[in-house]
Amino acid sequence: KAVEAIARQPEAESKIMKNLVLGCALAEATAIYCFVIAL
């Protein structure tokens, strides 16, 4: 979705990337928590 948004509005790339990185970090933290719980 971020790639699609950047393709539509290239001038908003920095805003989109900031939100994408933040969201991916939160999702990755959730994945790590799930892995730790499994262990």
PDB file of all heavy atoms in Angstrom:
ATOM      1  N   LYS A   1       0.827  -1.213   0.000  1.00  0.00           N
ATOM      2  CA  LYS A   1       0.000   0.000   0.000  1.00  0.00           C
ATOM      3  C   LYS A   1       0.862   1.264   0.000  1.00  0.00           C
ATOM      4  O   LYS A   1       0.505   2.270  -0.628  1.00  0.00           O
ATOM      5  CB  LYS A   1      -0.945   0.018   1.202  1.00  0.00           C
ATOM      6  CG  LYS A   1      -1.953  -1.109   1.200  1.00  0.00           C
ATOM      7  CD  LYS A   1      -2.883  -0.996   0.024  1.00  0.00           C
ATOM      8  CE  LYS A   1      -3.910  -2.116   0.074  1.00  0.00           C
ATOM      9  NZ  LYS A   1      -4.840  -2.069  -1.031  1.00  0.00           N
ATOM     10  N   ALA A   2       1.989   1.220   0.698  1.00  0.00           N
ATOM     11  CA  ALA A   2       2.879   2.382   0.717  1.00  0.00           C
ATOM     12  C   ALA A   2       3.477   2.622  -0.661  1.00  0.00           C
ATOM     13  O   ALA A   2       3.589   3.767  -1.109  1.00  0.00           O
ATOM     14  CB  ALA A   2       3.987   2.179   1.749  1.00  0.00           C
ATOM     15  N   VAL A   3       3.852   1.552  -1.353  1.00  0.00           N
ATOM     16  CA  VAL A   3       4.396   1.695  -2.708  1.00  0.00           C
ATOM     17  C   VAL A   3       3.337   2.274  -3.643  1.00  0.00           C
ATOM     18  O   VAL A   3       3.628   3.154  -4.471  1.00  0.00           O
ATOM     19  CB  VAL A   3       4.931   0.345  -3.223  1.00  0.00           C
ATOM     20  CG1 VAL A   3       5.254   0.402  -4.698  1.00  0.00           C
ATOM     21  CG2 VAL A   3       6.151  -0.072  -2.435  1.00  0.00           C
ATOM     22  N   GLU A   4       2.104   1.809  -3.507  1.00  0.00           N
ATOM     23  CA  GLU A   4       1.018   2.366  -4.320  1.00  0.00           C
ATOM     24  C   GLU A   4       0.811   3.852  -4.027  1.00  0.00           C
ATOM     25  O   GLU A   4       0.616   4.655  -4.941  1.00  0.00           O
ATOM     26  CB  GLU A   4      -0.284   1.622  -4.043  1.00  0.00           C
ATOM     27  CG  GLU A   4      -0.338   0.224  -4.608  1.00  0.00           C
ATOM     28  CD  GLU A   4      -1.632  -0.494  -4.222  1.00  0.00           C
ATOM     29  OE1 GLU A   4      -2.582   0.166  -3.748  1.00  0.00           O
ATOM     30  OE2 GLU A   4      -1.673  -1.720  -4.395  1.00  0.00           O
ATOM     31  N   ALA A   5       0.861   4.221  -2.749  1.00  0.00           N
ATOM     32  CA  ALA A   5       0.655   5.615  -2.375  1.00  0.00           C
ATOM     33  C   ALA A   5       1.784   6.504  -2.901  1.00  0.00           C
ATOM     34  O   ALA A   5       1.536   7.621  -3.362  1.00  0.00           O
ATOM     35  CB  ALA A   5       0.554   5.740  -0.853  1.00  0.00           C
ATOM     36  N   ILE A   6       3.017   6.002  -2.846  1.00  0.00           N
ATOM     37  CA  ILE A   6       4.144   6.774  -3.369  1.00  0.00           C
ATOM     38  C   ILE A   6       4.040   6.918  -4.881  1.00  0.00           C
ATOM     39  O   ILE A   6       4.373   7.963  -5.438  1.00  0.00           O
ATOM     40  CB  ILE A   6       5.480   6.127  -2.947  1.00  0.00           C
ATOM     41  CG1 ILE A   6       5.672   6.281  -1.439  1.00  0.00           C
ATOM     42  CG2 ILE A   6       6.656   6.752  -3.693  1.00  0.00           C
ATOM     43  CD1 ILE A   6       6.826   5.480  -0.882  1.00  0.00           C
ATOM     44  N   ALA A   7       3.547   5.873  -5.545  1.00  0.00           N
ATOM     45  CA  ALA A   7       3.382   5.958  -7.000  1.00  0.00           C
ATOM     46  C   ALA A   7       2.327   7.006  -7.368  1.00  0.00           C
ATOM     47  O   ALA A   7       2.457   7.680  -8.392  1.00  0.00           O
ATOM     48  CB  ALA A   7       2.982   4.600  -7.557  1.00  0.00           C
ATOM     49  N   ARG A   8       1.312   7.166  -6.527  1.00  0.00           N
ATOM     50  CA  ARG A   8       0.270   8.156  -6.807  1.00  0.00           C
ATOM     51  C   ARG A   8       0.713   9.570  -6.457  1.00  0.00           C
ATOM     52  O   ARG A   8       0.371  10.524  -7.160  1.00  0.00           O
ATOM     53  CB  ARG A   8      -0.992   7.817  -6.017  1.00  0.00           C
ATOM     54  CG  ARG A   8      -1.727   6.627  -6.557  1.00  0.00           C
ATOM     55  CD  ARG A   8      -3.092   6.498  -5.894  1.00  0.00           C
ATOM     56  NE  ARG A   8      -3.633   5.190  -6.201  1.00  0.00           N
ATOM     57  CZ  ARG A   8      -3.915   4.263  -5.313  1.00  0.00           C
ATOM     58  NH1 ARG A   8      -3.749   4.508  -4.023  1.00  0.00           N
ATOM     59  NH2 ARG A   8      -4.400   3.101  -5.687  1.00  0.00           N
ATOM     60  N   GLN A   9       1.417   9.704  -5.335  1.00  0.00           N
ATOM     61  CA  GLN A   9       1.845  11.031  -4.868  1.00  0.00           C
ATOM     62  C   GLN A   9       3.322  10.994  -4.477  1.00  0.00           C
ATOM     63  O   GLN A   9       3.666  10.852  -3.303  1.00  0.00           O
ATOM     64  CB  GLN A   9       1.025  11.461  -3.664  1.00  0.00           C
ATOM     65  CG  GLN A   9      -0.409  11.749  -3.981  1.00  0.00           C
ATOM     66  CD  GLN A   9      -1.158  12.239  -2.765  1.00  0.00           C
ATOM     67  OE1 GLN A   9      -0.781  11.962  -1.635  1.00  0.00           O
ATOM     68  NE2 GLN A   9      -2.224  12.987  -3.000  1.00  0.00           N
ATOM     69  N   PRO A  10       4.211  11.120  -5.450  1.00  0.00           N
ATOM     70  CA  PRO A  10       5.649  11.044  -5.141  1.00  0.00           C
ATOM     71  C   PRO A  10       6.128  12.152  -4.197  1.00  0.00           C
ATOM     72  O   PRO A  10       7.100  11.967  -3.474  1.00  0.00           O
ATOM     73  CB  PRO A  10       6.320  11.190  -6.507  1.00  0.00           C
ATOM     74  CG  PRO A  10       5.272  10.954  -7.515  1.00  0.00           C
ATOM     75  CD  PRO A  10       3.964  11.246  -6.873  1.00  0.00           C
ATOM     76  N   GLU A  11       5.434  13.278  -4.187  1.00  0.00           N
ATOM     77  CA  GLU A  11       5.864  14.377  -3.319  1.00  0.00           C
ATOM     78  C   GLU A  11       5.639  14.072  -1.836  1.00  0.00           C
ATOM     79  O   GLU A  11       6.208  14.722  -0.963  1.00  0.00           O
ATOM     80  CB  GLU A  11       5.161  15.686  -3.695  1.00  0.00           C
ATOM     81  CG  GLU A  11       3.655  15.705  -3.459  1.00  0.00           C
ATOM     82  CD  GLU A  11       2.835  15.097  -4.588  1.00  0.00           C
ATOM     83  OE1 GLU A  11       3.406  14.662  -5.594  1.00  0.00           O
ATOM     84  OE2 GLU A  11       1.602  15.048  -4.433  1.00  0.00           O
ATOM     85  N   ALA A  12       4.796  13.103  -1.512  1.00  0.00           N
ATOM     86  CA  ALA A  12       4.511  12.749  -0.117  1.00  0.00           C
ATOM     87  C   ALA A  12       5.328  11.545   0.346  1.00  0.00           C
ATOM     88  O   ALA A  12       5.010  10.931   1.359  1.00  0.00           O
ATOM     89  CB  ALA A  12       3.025  12.465   0.046  1.00  0.00           C
ATOM     90  N   GLU A  13       6.400  11.245  -0.358  1.00  0.00           N
ATOM     91  CA  GLU A  13       7.168  10.034  -0.056  1.00  0.00           C
ATOM     92  C   GLU A  13       7.735  10.030   1.364  1.00  0.00           C
ATOM     93  O   GLU A  13       7.664   9.010   2.062  1.00  0.00           O
ATOM     94  CB  GLU A  13       8.311   9.875  -1.059  1.00  0.00           C
ATOM     95  CG  GLU A  13       9.155   8.651  -0.796  1.00  0.00           C
ATOM     96  CD  GLU A  13      10.297   8.510  -1.772  1.00  0.00           C
ATOM     97  OE1 GLU A  13      10.491   9.393  -2.618  1.00  0.00           O
ATOM     98  OE2 GLU A  13      11.003   7.501  -1.674  1.00  0.00           O
ATOM     99  N   SER A  14       8.264  11.142   1.816  1.00  0.00           N
ATOM    100  CA  SER A  14       8.892  11.158   3.144  1.00  0.00           C
ATOM    101  C   SER A  14       7.873  10.894   4.255  1.00  0.00           C
ATOM    102  O   SER A  14       8.149  10.157   5.205  1.00  0.00           O
ATOM    103  CB  SER A  14       9.617  12.479   3.387  1.00  0.00           C
ATOM    104  OG  SER A  14       8.696  13.552   3.400  1.00  0.00           O
ATOM    105  N   LYS A  15       6.688  11.483   4.131  1.00  0.00           N
ATOM    106  CA  LYS A  15       5.630  11.240   5.126  1.00  0.00           C
ATOM    107  C   LYS A  15       5.182   9.784   5.112  1.00  0.00           C
ATOM    108  O   LYS A  15       4.991   9.157   6.154  1.00  0.00           O
ATOM    109  CB  LYS A  15       4.425  12.125   4.827  1.00  0.00           C
ATOM    110  CG  LYS A  15       4.305  13.330   5.647  1.00  0.00           C
ATOM    111  CD  LYS A  15       2.980  14.001   5.349  1.00  0.00           C
ATOM    112  CE  LYS A  15       2.815  15.211   6.207  1.00  0.00           C
ATOM    113  NZ  LYS A  15       1.587  15.921   5.922  1.00  0.00           N
ATOM    114  N   ILE A  16       5.001   9.249   3.919  1.00  0.00           N
ATOM    115  CA  ILE A  16       4.543   7.867   3.782  1.00  0.00           C
ATOM    116  C   ILE A  16       5.590   6.905   4.345  1.00  0.00           C
ATOM    117  O   ILE A  16       5.252   5.963   5.062  1.00  0.00           O
ATOM    118  CB  ILE A  16       4.220   7.545   2.309  1.00  0.00           C
ATOM    119  CG1 ILE A  16       3.027   8.380   1.836  1.00  0.00           C
ATOM    120  CG2 ILE A  16       3.951   6.065   2.114  1.00  0.00           C
ATOM    121  CD1 ILE A  16       2.808   8.360   0.340  1.00  0.00           C
ATOM    122  N   MET A  17       6.854   7.151   4.039  1.00  0.00           N
ATOM    123  CA  MET A  17       7.917   6.256   4.505  1.00  0.00           C
ATOM    124  C   MET A  17       8.050   6.276   6.024  1.00  0.00           C
ATOM    125  O   MET A  17       8.291   5.238   6.640  1.00  0.00           O
ATOM    126  CB  MET A  17       9.248   6.621   3.842  1.00  0.00           C
ATOM    127  CG  MET A  17       9.313   6.264   2.377  1.00  0.00           C
ATOM    128  SD  MET A  17       9.007   4.522   2.046  1.00  0.00           S
ATOM    129  CE  MET A  17      10.462   3.811   2.756  1.00  0.00           C
ATOM    130  N   LYS A  18       7.889   7.461   6.630  1.00  0.00           N
ATOM    131  CA  LYS A  18       7.956   7.537   8.094  1.00  0.00           C
ATOM    132  C   LYS A  18       6.872   6.674   8.727  1.00  0.00           C
ATOM    133  O   LYS A  18       7.133   5.905   9.649  1.00  0.00           O
ATOM    134  CB  LYS A  18       7.815   8.982   8.567  1.00  0.00           C
ATOM    135  CG  LYS A  18       9.103   9.753   8.556  1.00  0.00           C
ATOM    136  CD  LYS A  18       8.965  11.040   9.338  1.00  0.00           C
ATOM    137  CE  LYS A  18       8.408  12.099   8.416  1.00  0.00           C
ATOM    138  NZ  LYS A  18       8.344  13.423   9.018  1.00  0.00           N
ATOM    139  N   ASN A  19       5.659   6.804   8.224  1.00  0.00           N
ATOM    140  CA  ASN A  19       4.556   6.017   8.774  1.00  0.00           C
ATOM    141  C   ASN A  19       4.731   4.533   8.489  1.00  0.00           C
ATOM    142  O   ASN A  19       4.392   3.687   9.327  1.00  0.00           O
ATOM    143  CB  ASN A  19       3.226   6.510   8.214  1.00  0.00           C
ATOM    144  CG  ASN A  19       2.839   7.852   8.775  1.00  0.00           C
ATOM    145  OD1 ASN A  19       3.174   8.170   9.900  1.00  0.00           O
ATOM    146  ND2 ASN A  19       2.140   8.640   7.984  1.00  0.00           N
ATOM    147  N   LEU A  20       5.261   4.208   7.319  1.00  0.00           N
ATOM    148  CA  LEU A  20       5.491   2.806   6.975  1.00  0.00           C
ATOM    149  C   LEU A  20       6.519   2.172   7.907  1.00  0.00           C
ATOM    150  O   LEU A  20       6.305   1.070   8.418  1.00  0.00           O
ATOM    151  CB  LEU A  20       5.955   2.672   5.526  1.00  0.00           C
ATOM    152  CG  LEU A  20       6.390   1.270   5.103  1.00  0.00           C
ATOM    153  CD1 LEU A  20       5.194   0.329   5.108  1.00  0.00           C
ATOM    154  CD2 LEU A  20       7.040   1.304   3.745  1.00  0.00           C
ATOM    155  N   VAL A  21       7.608   2.870   8.147  1.00  0.00           N
ATOM    156  CA  VAL A  21       8.654   2.325   9.022  1.00  0.00           C
ATOM    157  C   VAL A  21       8.129   2.155  10.448  1.00  0.00           C
ATOM    158  O   VAL A  21       8.402   1.137  11.099  1.00  0.00           O
ATOM    159  CB  VAL A  21       9.912   3.221   8.981  1.00  0.00           C
ATOM    160  CG1 VAL A  21      10.900   2.834  10.053  1.00  0.00           C
ATOM    161  CG2 VAL A  21      10.560   3.142   7.613  1.00  0.00           C
ATOM    162  N   LEU A  22       7.369   3.112  10.935  1.00  0.00           N
ATOM    163  CA  LEU A  22       6.796   3.001  12.274  1.00  0.00           C
ATOM    164  C   LEU A  22       5.841   1.814  12.365  1.00  0.00           C
ATOM    165  O   LEU A  22       5.902   1.016  13.310  1.00  0.00           O
ATOM    166  CB  LEU A  22       6.067   4.287  12.649  1.00  0.00           C
ATOM    167  CG  LEU A  22       5.412   4.313  14.022  1.00  0.00           C
ATOM    168  CD1 LEU A  22       6.468   4.174  15.108  1.00  0.00           C
ATOM    169  CD2 LEU A  22       4.630   5.577  14.208  1.00  0.00           C
ATOM    170  N   GLY A  23       4.969   1.678  11.380  1.00  0.00           N
ATOM    171  CA  GLY A  23       4.029   0.551  11.375  1.00  0.00           C
ATOM    172  C   GLY A  23       4.721  -0.794  11.265  1.00  0.00           C
ATOM    173  O   GLY A  23       4.357  -1.760  11.944  1.00  0.00           O
ATOM    174  N   CYS A  24       5.747  -0.868  10.418  1.00  0.00           N
ATOM    175  CA  CYS A  24       6.491  -2.126  10.278  1.00  0.00           C
ATOM    176  C   CYS A  24       7.230  -2.477  11.563  1.00  0.00           C
ATOM    177  O   CYS A  24       7.317  -3.648  11.930  1.00  0.00           O
ATOM    178  CB  CYS A  24       7.460  -2.040   9.108  1.00  0.00           C
ATOM    179  SG  CYS A  24       6.653  -2.118   7.507  1.00  0.00           S
ATOM    180  N   ALA A  25       7.754  -1.464  12.252  1.00  0.00           N
ATOM    181  CA  ALA A  25       8.442  -1.725  13.515  1.00  0.00           C
ATOM    182  C   ALA A  25       7.473  -2.282  14.559  1.00  0.00           C
ATOM    183  O   ALA A  25       7.803  -3.219  15.294  1.00  0.00           O
ATOM    184  CB  ALA A  25       9.098  -0.453  14.022  1.00  0.00           C
ATOM    185  N   LEU A  26       6.288  -1.730  14.620  1.00  0.00           N
ATOM    186  CA  LEU A  26       5.297  -2.233  15.586  1.00  0.00           C
ATOM    187  C   LEU A  26       4.853  -3.653  15.227  1.00  0.00           C
ATOM    188  O   LEU A  26       4.691  -4.502  16.108  1.00  0.00           O
ATOM    189  CB  LEU A  26       4.094  -1.294  15.638  1.00  0.00           C
ATOM    190  CG  LEU A  26       4.371   0.079  16.244  1.00  0.00           C
ATOM    191  CD1 LEU A  26       3.161   0.975  16.089  1.00  0.00           C
ATOM    192  CD2 LEU A  26       4.765  -0.043  17.696  1.00  0.00           C
ATOM    193  N   ALA A  27       4.656  -3.914  13.954  1.00  0.00           N
ATOM    194  CA  ALA A  27       4.259  -5.264  13.542  1.00  0.00           C
ATOM    195  C   ALA A  27       5.380  -6.263  13.801  1.00  0.00           C
ATOM    196  O   ALA A  27       5.130  -7.402  14.218  1.00  0.00           O
ATOM    197  CB  ALA A  27       3.877  -5.263  12.067  1.00  0.00           C
ATOM    198  N   GLU A  28       6.610  -5.853  13.570  1.00  0.00           N
ATOM    199  CA  GLU A  28       7.744  -6.745  13.819  1.00  0.00           C
ATOM    200  C   GLU A  28       7.900  -7.025  15.307  1.00  0.00           C
ATOM    201  O   GLU A  28       8.250  -8.134  15.699  1.00  0.00           O
ATOM    202  CB  GLU A  28       9.017  -6.128  13.253  1.00  0.00           C
ATOM    203  CG  GLU A  28      10.165  -7.078  13.175  1.00  0.00           C
ATOM    204  CD  GLU A  28       9.927  -8.228  12.223  1.00  0.00           C
ATOM    205  OE1 GLU A  28       9.243  -8.047  11.211  1.00  0.00           O
ATOM    206  OE2 GLU A  28      10.438  -9.327  12.509  1.00  0.00           O
ATOM    207  N   ALA A  29       7.635  -6.023  16.145  1.00  0.00           N
ATOM    208  CA  ALA A  29       7.686  -6.243  17.591  1.00  0.00           C
ATOM    209  C   ALA A  29       6.640  -7.267  18.012  1.00  0.00           C
ATOM    210  O   ALA A  29       6.907  -8.127  18.860  1.00  0.00           O
ATOM    211  CB  ALA A  29       7.474  -4.930  18.327  1.00  0.00           C
ATOM    212  N   THR A  30       5.472  -7.199  17.411  1.00  0.00           N
ATOM    213  CA  THR A  30       4.432  -8.184  17.697  1.00  0.00           C
ATOM    214  C   THR A  30       4.888  -9.579  17.302  1.00  0.00           C
ATOM    215  O   THR A  30       4.671 -10.551  18.033  1.00  0.00           O
ATOM    216  CB  THR A  30       3.136  -7.827  16.941  1.00  0.00           C
ATOM    217  OG1 THR A  30       2.741  -6.519  17.313  1.00  0.00           O
ATOM    218  CG2 THR A  30       2.035  -8.811  17.256  1.00  0.00           C
ATOM    219  N   ALA A  31       5.543  -9.692  16.159  1.00  0.00           N
ATOM    220  CA  ALA A  31       6.045 -10.986  15.711  1.00  0.00           C
ATOM    221  C   ALA A  31       7.094 -11.532  16.680  1.00  0.00           C
ATOM    222  O   ALA A  31       7.100 -12.724  16.992  1.00  0.00           O
ATOM    223  CB  ALA A  31       6.628 -10.862  14.306  1.00  0.00           C
ATOM    224  N   ILE A  32       7.961 -10.663  17.164  1.00  0.00           N
ATOM    225  CA  ILE A  32       8.992 -11.110  18.112  1.00  0.00           C
ATOM    226  C   ILE A  32       8.351 -11.559  19.420  1.00  0.00           C
ATOM    227  O   ILE A  32       8.755 -12.568  20.002  1.00  0.00           O
ATOM    228  CB  ILE A  32      10.022  -9.988  18.333  1.00  0.00           C
ATOM    229  CG1 ILE A  32      10.841  -9.791  17.053  1.00  0.00           C
ATOM    230  CG2 ILE A  32      10.946 -10.297  19.511  1.00  0.00           C
ATOM    231  CD1 ILE A  32      11.720  -8.567  17.057  1.00  0.00           C
ATOM    232  N   TYR A  33       7.344 -10.833  19.895  1.00  0.00           N
ATOM    233  CA  TYR A  33       6.640 -11.247  21.115  1.00  0.00           C
ATOM    234  C   TYR A  33       6.002 -12.618  20.938  1.00  0.00           C
ATOM    235  O   TYR A  33       6.060 -13.464  21.830  1.00  0.00           O
ATOM    236  CB  TYR A  33       5.577 -10.230  21.515  1.00  0.00           C
ATOM    237  CG  TYR A  33       6.120  -8.891  21.934  1.00  0.00           C
ATOM    238  CD1 TYR A  33       5.401  -7.735  21.695  1.00  0.00           C
ATOM    239  CD2 TYR A  33       7.339  -8.774  22.586  1.00  0.00           C
ATOM    240  CE1 TYR A  33       5.889  -6.499  22.071  1.00  0.00           C
ATOM    241  CE2 TYR A  33       7.829  -7.538  22.966  1.00  0.00           C
ATOM    242  CZ  TYR A  33       7.102  -6.413  22.702  1.00  0.00           C
ATOM    243  OH  TYR A  33       7.578  -5.183  23.077  1.00  0.00           O
ATOM    244  N   CYS A  34       5.389 -12.845  19.789  1.00  0.00           N
ATOM    245  CA  CYS A  34       4.774 -14.156  19.524  1.00  0.00           C
ATOM    246  C   CYS A  34       5.822 -15.258  19.521  1.00  0.00           C
ATOM    247  O   CYS A  34       5.595 -16.343  20.038  1.00  0.00           O
ATOM    248  CB  CYS A  34       4.031 -14.130  18.197  1.00  0.00           C
ATOM    249  SG  CYS A  34       2.551 -13.121  18.210  1.00  0.00           S
ATOM    250  N   PHE A  35       6.970 -14.979  18.927  1.00  0.00           N
ATOM    251  CA  PHE A  35       8.037 -15.969  18.894  1.00  0.00           C
ATOM    252  C   PHE A  35       8.556 -16.276  20.298  1.00  0.00           C
ATOM    253  O   PHE A  35       8.772 -17.437  20.657  1.00  0.00           O
ATOM    254  CB  PHE A  35       9.176 -15.473  17.996  1.00  0.00           C
ATOM    255  CG  PHE A  35      10.324 -16.425  17.896  1.00  0.00           C
ATOM    256  CD1 PHE A  35      10.180 -17.635  17.241  1.00  0.00           C
ATOM    257  CD2 PHE A  35      11.550 -16.117  18.449  1.00  0.00           C
ATOM    258  CE1 PHE A  35      11.231 -18.517  17.146  1.00  0.00           C
ATOM    259  CE2 PHE A  35      12.615 -16.990  18.363  1.00  0.00           C
ATOM    260  CZ  PHE A  35      12.456 -18.204  17.704  1.00  0.00           C
ATOM    261  N   VAL A  36       8.721 -15.250  21.117  1.00  0.00           N
ATOM    262  CA  VAL A  36       9.191 -15.450  22.487  1.00  0.00           C
ATOM    263  C   VAL A  36       8.172 -16.250  23.287  1.00  0.00           C
ATOM    264  O   VAL A  36       8.533 -17.150  24.061  1.00  0.00           O
ATOM    265  CB  VAL A  36       9.494 -14.093  23.162  1.00  0.00           C
ATOM    266  CG1 VAL A  36       9.708 -14.235  24.655  1.00  0.00           C
ATOM    267  CG2 VAL A  36      10.708 -13.459  22.509  1.00  0.00           C
ATOM    268  N   ILE A  37       6.909 -15.962  23.110  1.00  0.00           N
ATOM    269  CA  ILE A  37       5.865 -16.720  23.808  1.00  0.00           C
ATOM    270  C   ILE A  37       5.892 -18.177  23.380  1.00  0.00           C
ATOM    271  O   ILE A  37       5.749 -19.085  24.207  1.00  0.00           O
ATOM    272  CB  ILE A  37       4.488 -16.075  23.578  1.00  0.00           C
ATOM    273  CG1 ILE A  37       4.408 -14.766  24.348  1.00  0.00           C
ATOM    274  CG2 ILE A  37       3.362 -17.011  23.994  1.00  0.00           C
ATOM    275  CD1 ILE A  37       3.187 -13.936  24.037  1.00  0.00           C
ATOM    276  N   ALA A  38       6.093 -18.429  22.080  1.00  0.00           N
ATOM    277  CA  ALA A  38       6.180 -19.814  21.606  1.00  0.00           C
ATOM    278  C   ALA A  38       7.355 -20.529  22.261  1.00  0.00           C
ATOM    279  O   ALA A  38       7.231 -21.687  22.688  1.00  0.00           O
ATOM    280  CB  ALA A  38       6.314 -19.841  20.085  1.00  0.00           C
ATOM    281  N   LEU A  39       8.493 -19.864  22.362  1.00  0.00           N
ATOM    282  CA  LEU A  39       9.645 -20.488  23.019  1.00  0.00           C
ATOM    283  C   LEU A  39       9.385 -20.743  24.492  1.00  0.00           C
ATOM    284  O   LEU A  39       9.764 -21.792  25.024  1.00  0.00           O
ATOM    285  CB  LEU A  39      10.885 -19.603  22.855  1.00  0.00           C
ATOM    286  CG  LEU A  39      11.505 -19.563  21.461  1.00  0.00           C
ATOM    287  CD1 LEU A  39      12.676 -18.598  21.445  1.00  0.00           C
ATOM    288  CD2 LEU A  39      11.940 -20.933  21.014  1.00  0.00           C
TER     289      LEU A  39
END
